[in-house]
Amino acid sequence: MTLSIREVKTNGIAQYGPAILESSKSEIHSKVYEQNRHRVYSLAFWMTDHELAAEQLMTQTFCRAFASSQEPTADEIDRALISELREYISLGPLTLDCAPSDRVLSVRRNTMRVDLERAVVQLPNTERMIFLMHDVERYDHTRIASLLKISLQSSIEGLHQARLRMRELLAK
């Protein structure tokens, strides 16, 4: 909403002040939303494997984030997403315990994208989240451990187990 100098002088800023503040807040929300929506939707989709559920999680995540801060940071939005995901699925201790490979599994030759996608969604929830945050979104292990409330060693181990399980699934 833009106002001319004459309108402000004639009608007073008190009349237009709330509209200007609301417009400015809306711009901030739009900016924060645009900067983070792709990452939030992507993580929500891979964790739910369902478009509508991912959309709903994304909406709830931003509602939670904006309720706690007028201009939430990426970290605050990630924490809101993890909170929403914890209500939707279980995120907690690591569950995979893949044995070390005794042979080289060849997964590079004819791996199709659909096979890779199916393998990702077959990972247990916590290991999948660690894999997505580290290998897809490029979070470091310290940030992952902090967001998921696990130890740094568990984050590293979870990623290793997720990669081993992905190789097993893709080699079949």
C-alpha atoms as a PDB file:
ATOM      1  CA  MET A   1       0.000   0.000   0.000  1.00  0.00           C
ATOM      2  CA  THR A   2       1.545   3.285  -1.053  1.00  0.00           C
ATOM      3  CA  LEU A   3       0.334   6.625   0.198  1.00  0.00           C
ATOM      4  CA  SER A   4       0.966  10.078  -1.149  1.00  0.00           C
ATOM      5  CA  ILE A   5       2.382  12.749   1.145  1.00  0.00           C
ATOM      6  CA  ARG A   6      -0.879  14.673   0.821  1.00  0.00           C
ATOM      7  CA  GLU A   7      -2.948  11.689   2.081  1.00  0.00           C
ATOM      8  CA  VAL A   8      -0.713  11.259   5.123  1.00  0.00           C
ATOM      9  CA  LYS A   9      -0.801  14.978   5.991  1.00  0.00           C
ATOM     10  CA  THR A  10      -4.551  15.281   5.402  1.00  0.00           C
ATOM     11  CA  ASN A  11      -5.771  12.118   7.097  1.00  0.00           C
ATOM     12  CA  GLY A  12      -2.962  11.564   9.574  1.00  0.00           C
ATOM     13  CA  ILE A  13      -0.562   8.665   9.937  1.00  0.00           C
ATOM     14  CA  ALA A  14      -2.653   7.186  12.738  1.00  0.00           C
ATOM     15  CA  GLN A  15      -5.314   6.243  10.225  1.00  0.00           C
ATOM     16  CA  TYR A  16      -2.902   4.473   7.860  1.00  0.00           C
ATOM     17  CA  GLY A  17      -0.313   3.246  10.369  1.00  0.00           C
ATOM     18  CA  PRO A  18      -1.887  -0.175  11.028  1.00  0.00           C
ATOM     19  CA  ALA A  19      -2.247  -0.861   7.294  1.00  0.00           C
ATOM     20  CA  ILE A  20       1.373   0.073   6.674  1.00  0.00           C
ATOM     21  CA  LEU A  21       2.577  -2.145   9.537  1.00  0.00           C
ATOM     22  CA  GLU A  22       0.407  -5.050   8.331  1.00  0.00           C
ATOM     23  CA  SER A  23       1.725  -4.621   4.787  1.00  0.00           C
ATOM     24  CA  SER A  24       5.314  -4.609   6.041  1.00  0.00           C
ATOM     25  CA  LYS A  25       4.698  -7.748   8.163  1.00  0.00           C
ATOM     26  CA  SER A  26       3.138  -9.469   5.169  1.00  0.00           C
ATOM     27  CA  GLU A  27       6.192  -8.636   3.048  1.00  0.00           C
ATOM     28  CA  ILE A  28       8.506 -10.087   5.698  1.00  0.00           C
ATOM     29  CA  HIS A  29       6.408 -13.260   5.932  1.00  0.00           C
ATOM     30  CA  SER A  30       6.389 -13.613   2.138  1.00  0.00           C
ATOM     31  CA  LYS A  31      10.162 -13.173   1.971  1.00  0.00           C
ATOM     32  CA  VAL A  32      10.843 -15.741   4.710  1.00  0.00           C
ATOM     33  CA  TYR A  33       8.328 -18.158   3.162  1.00  0.00           C
ATOM     34  CA  GLU A  34       9.870 -17.871  -0.320  1.00  0.00           C
ATOM     35  CA  GLN A  35      13.386 -18.376   1.025  1.00  0.00           C
ATOM     36  CA  ASN A  36      12.489 -21.580   2.879  1.00  0.00           C
ATOM     37  CA  ARG A  37       9.463 -23.193   1.235  1.00  0.00           C
ATOM     38  CA  HIS A  38      11.309 -25.426  -1.219  1.00  0.00           C
ATOM     39  CA  ARG A  39      13.512 -26.960   1.482  1.00  0.00           C
ATOM     40  CA  VAL A  40      10.619 -27.446   3.904  1.00  0.00           C
ATOM     41  CA  TYR A  41       8.357 -29.000   1.275  1.00  0.00           C
ATOM     42  CA  SER A  42      11.138 -31.254  -0.001  1.00  0.00           C
ATOM     43  CA  LEU A  43      11.941 -32.619   3.451  1.00  0.00           C
ATOM     44  CA  ALA A  44       8.241 -32.981   4.300  1.00  0.00           C
ATOM     45  CA  PHE A  45       7.571 -34.816   1.042  1.00  0.00           C
ATOM     46  CA  TRP A  46      10.456 -37.251   1.439  1.00  0.00           C
ATOM     47  CA  MET A  47       9.479 -37.950   5.024  1.00  0.00           C
ATOM     48  CA  THR A  48       5.795 -38.563   4.246  1.00  0.00           C
ATOM     49  CA  ASP A  49       6.017 -39.800   0.628  1.00  0.00           C
ATOM     50  CA  HIS A  50       2.701 -38.026   0.064  1.00  0.00           C
ATOM     51  CA  GLU A  51       2.145 -34.653  -1.631  1.00  0.00           C
ATOM     52  CA  LEU A  52      -0.933 -33.574   0.338  1.00  0.00           C
ATOM     53  CA  ALA A  53       0.598 -34.565   3.660  1.00  0.00           C
ATOM     54  CA  ALA A  54       3.757 -32.640   2.723  1.00  0.00           C
ATOM     55  CA  GLU A  55       1.699 -29.542   1.861  1.00  0.00           C
ATOM     56  CA  GLN A  56      -0.133 -29.784   5.173  1.00  0.00           C
ATOM     57  CA  LEU A  57       3.126 -30.240   7.104  1.00  0.00           C
ATOM     58  CA  MET A  58       4.647 -27.269   5.294  1.00  0.00           C
ATOM     59  CA  THR A  59       1.654 -25.068   6.192  1.00  0.00           C
ATOM     60  CA  GLN A  60       1.739 -26.167   9.832  1.00  0.00           C
ATOM     61  CA  THR A  61       5.504 -25.632   9.953  1.00  0.00           C
ATOM     62  CA  PHE A  62       5.249 -22.038   8.780  1.00  0.00           C
ATOM     63  CA  CYS A  63       2.296 -21.347  11.084  1.00  0.00           C
ATOM     64  CA  ARG A  64       4.341 -22.653  14.026  1.00  0.00           C
ATOM     65  CA  ALA A  65       7.440 -20.718  12.980  1.00  0.00           C
ATOM     66  CA  PHE A  66       5.581 -17.418  12.483  1.00  0.00           C
ATOM     67  CA  ALA A  67       3.734 -17.881  15.768  1.00  0.00           C
ATOM     68  CA  SER A  68       7.062 -17.961  17.601  1.00  0.00           C
ATOM     69  CA  SER A  69       8.828 -15.186  15.653  1.00  0.00           C
ATOM     70  CA  GLN A  70       7.907 -12.382  13.261  1.00  0.00           C
ATOM     71  CA  GLU A  71      10.930 -13.181  11.083  1.00  0.00           C
ATOM     72  CA  PRO A  72      12.026 -16.765  11.841  1.00  0.00           C
ATOM     73  CA  THR A  73      15.478 -17.921  10.805  1.00  0.00           C
ATOM     74  CA  ALA A  74      16.092 -21.046   8.744  1.00  0.00           C
ATOM     75  CA  ASP A  75      17.084 -22.843  11.947  1.00  0.00           C
ATOM     76  CA  GLU A  76      13.830 -21.853  13.686  1.00  0.00           C
ATOM     77  CA  ILE A  77      11.867 -23.052  10.664  1.00  0.00           C
ATOM     78  CA  ASP A  78      13.777 -26.349  10.682  1.00  0.00           C
ATOM     79  CA  ARG A  79      12.973 -26.771  14.387  1.00  0.00           C
ATOM     80  CA  ALA A  80       9.297 -26.112  13.631  1.00  0.00           C
ATOM     81  CA  LEU A  81       9.426 -28.727  10.849  1.00  0.00           C
ATOM     82  CA  ILE A  82      11.011 -31.307  13.145  1.00  0.00           C
ATOM     83  CA  SER A  83       8.324 -30.584  15.771  1.00  0.00           C
ATOM     84  CA  GLU A  84       5.579 -31.071  13.196  1.00  0.00           C
ATOM     85  CA  LEU A  85       7.210 -34.241  11.863  1.00  0.00           C
ATOM     86  CA  ARG A  86       7.457 -35.675  15.388  1.00  0.00           C
ATOM     87  CA  GLU A  87       3.665 -35.353  15.651  1.00  0.00           C
ATOM     88  CA  TYR A  88       3.227 -37.090  12.283  1.00  0.00           C
ATOM     89  CA  ILE A  89       5.884 -39.829  12.417  1.00  0.00           C
ATOM     90  CA  SER A  90       8.327 -41.178  14.968  1.00  0.00           C
ATOM     91  CA  LEU A  91      11.790 -39.636  14.946  1.00  0.00           C
ATOM     92  CA  GLY A  92      14.097 -40.922  17.596  1.00  0.00           C
ATOM     93  CA  PRO A  93      16.763 -43.519  18.077  1.00  0.00           C
ATOM     94  CA  LEU A  94      18.546 -45.103  15.153  1.00  0.00           C
ATOM     95  CA  THR A  95      17.140 -48.450  14.080  1.00  0.00           C
ATOM     96  CA  LEU A  96      19.386 -49.657  11.246  1.00  0.00           C
ATOM     97  CA  ASP A  97      22.278 -51.971  11.961  1.00  0.00           C
ATOM     98  CA  CYS A  98      23.607 -52.977   8.552  1.00  0.00           C
ATOM     99  CA  ALA A  99      26.602 -55.256   8.568  1.00  0.00           C
ATOM    100  CA  PRO A 100      29.725 -54.081   6.780  1.00  0.00           C
ATOM    101  CA  SER A 101      29.786 -55.202   3.156  1.00  0.00           C
ATOM    102  CA  ASP A 102      31.904 -58.237   2.432  1.00  0.00           C
ATOM    103  CA  ARG A 103      31.726 -57.517  -1.298  1.00  0.00           C
ATOM    104  CA  VAL A 104      31.436 -54.459  -3.504  1.00  0.00           C
ATOM    105  CA  LEU A 105      27.841 -53.789  -4.458  1.00  0.00           C
ATOM    106  CA  SER A 106      27.625 -52.255  -7.917  1.00  0.00           C
ATOM    107  CA  VAL A 107      24.883 -49.657  -7.806  1.00  0.00           C
ATOM    108  CA  ARG A 108      26.266 -47.107 -10.242  1.00  0.00           C
ATOM    109  CA  ARG A 109      25.539 -48.853 -13.510  1.00  0.00           C
ATOM    110  CA  ASN A 110      21.824 -48.658 -14.312  1.00  0.00           C
ATOM    111  CA  THR A 111      20.269 -47.041 -11.283  1.00  0.00           C
ATOM    112  CA  MET A 112      17.117 -45.254 -12.286  1.00  0.00           C
ATOM    113  CA  ARG A 113      15.776 -42.225 -10.450  1.00  0.00           C
ATOM    114  CA  VAL A 114      12.585 -44.053  -9.480  1.00  0.00           C
ATOM    115  CA  ASP A 115      14.689 -46.809  -7.860  1.00  0.00           C
ATOM    116  CA  LEU A 116      16.624 -44.220  -5.907  1.00  0.00           C
ATOM    117  CA  GLU A 117      13.394 -42.521  -4.781  1.00  0.00           C
ATOM    118  CA  ARG A 118      11.889 -45.825  -3.624  1.00  0.00           C
ATOM    119  CA  ALA A 119      15.073 -46.678  -1.742  1.00  0.00           C
ATOM    120  CA  VAL A 120      15.033 -43.329   0.097  1.00  0.00           C
ATOM    121  CA  VAL A 121      11.455 -43.779   1.323  1.00  0.00           C
ATOM    122  CA  GLN A 122      12.244 -47.314   2.531  1.00  0.00           C
ATOM    123  CA  LEU A 123      14.807 -46.020   5.032  1.00  0.00           C
ATOM    124  CA  PRO A 124      13.715 -45.818   8.674  1.00  0.00           C
ATOM    125  CA  ASN A 125      12.497 -42.327   9.623  1.00  0.00           C
ATOM    126  CA  THR A 126      15.473 -41.073  11.617  1.00  0.00           C
ATOM    127  CA  GLU A 127      18.082 -42.417   9.208  1.00  0.00           C
ATOM    128  CA  ARG A 128      16.081 -41.027   6.260  1.00  0.00           C
ATOM    129  CA  MET A 129      15.969 -37.588   7.867  1.00  0.00           C
ATOM    130  CA  ILE A 130      19.717 -37.671   8.552  1.00  0.00           C
ATOM    131  CA  PHE A 131      20.403 -38.791   4.971  1.00  0.00           C
ATOM    132  CA  LEU A 132      18.170 -36.074   3.489  1.00  0.00           C
ATOM    133  CA  MET A 133      19.538 -33.329   5.695  1.00  0.00           C
ATOM    134  CA  HIS A 134      23.166 -34.254   5.078  1.00  0.00           C
ATOM    135  CA  ASP A 135      23.369 -35.578   1.518  1.00  0.00           C
ATOM    136  CA  VAL A 136      20.512 -33.622  -0.058  1.00  0.00           C
ATOM    137  CA  GLU A 137      20.276 -30.368   1.907  1.00  0.00           C
ATOM    138  CA  ARG A 138      23.995 -30.252   2.894  1.00  0.00           C
ATOM    139  CA  TYR A 139      23.523 -29.724   6.631  1.00  0.00           C
ATOM    140  CA  ASP A 140      26.557 -30.512   8.746  1.00  0.00           C
ATOM    141  CA  HIS A 141      26.388 -33.210  11.420  1.00  0.00           C
ATOM    142  CA  THR A 142      26.468 -30.676  14.257  1.00  0.00           C
ATOM    143  CA  ARG A 143      23.313 -28.986  12.956  1.00  0.00           C
ATOM    144  CA  ILE A 144      21.591 -32.327  12.312  1.00  0.00           C
ATOM    145  CA  ALA A 145      22.410 -33.576  15.806  1.00  0.00           C
ATOM    146  CA  SER A 146      21.102 -30.360  17.336  1.00  0.00           C
ATOM    147  CA  LEU A 147      17.848 -30.392  15.334  1.00  0.00           C
ATOM    148  CA  LEU A 148      17.101 -34.075  15.936  1.00  0.00           C
ATOM    149  CA  LYS A 149      18.345 -33.972  19.548  1.00  0.00           C
ATOM    150  CA  ILE A 150      20.780 -36.841  19.021  1.00  0.00           C
ATOM    151  CA  SER A 151      24.507 -37.054  19.572  1.00  0.00           C
ATOM    152  CA  LEU A 152      27.006 -36.035  16.913  1.00  0.00           C
ATOM    153  CA  GLN A 153      28.216 -39.651  16.752  1.00  0.00           C
ATOM    154  CA  SER A 154      24.636 -40.884  16.213  1.00  0.00           C
ATOM    155  CA  SER A 155      24.236 -38.480  13.299  1.00  0.00           C
ATOM    156  CA  ILE A 156      27.425 -39.748  11.676  1.00  0.00           C
ATOM    157  CA  GLU A 157      26.486 -43.381  12.335  1.00  0.00           C
ATOM    158  CA  GLY A 158      22.917 -42.834  11.069  1.00  0.00           C
ATOM    159  CA  LEU A 159      24.203 -41.413   7.788  1.00  0.00           C
ATOM    160  CA  HIS A 160      26.599 -44.332   7.361  1.00  0.00           C
ATOM    161  CA  GLN A 161      23.833 -46.868   8.045  1.00  0.00           C
ATOM    162  CA  ALA A 162      21.458 -45.060   5.662  1.00  0.00           C
ATOM    163  CA  ARG A 163      24.042 -45.159   2.884  1.00  0.00           C
ATOM    164  CA  LEU A 164      24.731 -48.878   3.490  1.00  0.00           C
ATOM    165  CA  ARG A 165      20.991 -49.646   3.400  1.00  0.00           C
ATOM    166  CA  MET A 166      20.560 -47.573   0.212  1.00  0.00           C
ATOM    167  CA  ARG A 167      23.312 -49.618  -1.455  1.00  0.00           C
ATOM    168  CA  GLU A 168      21.643 -52.846  -0.387  1.00  0.00           C
ATOM    169  CA  LEU A 169      18.268 -51.722  -1.739  1.00  0.00           C
ATOM    170  CA  LEU A 170      19.720 -50.453  -5.025  1.00  0.00           C
ATOM    171  CA  ALA A 171      21.837 -53.556  -5.590  1.00  0.00           C
ATOM    172  CA  LYS A 172      18.746 -55.804  -5.625  1.00  0.00           C
END
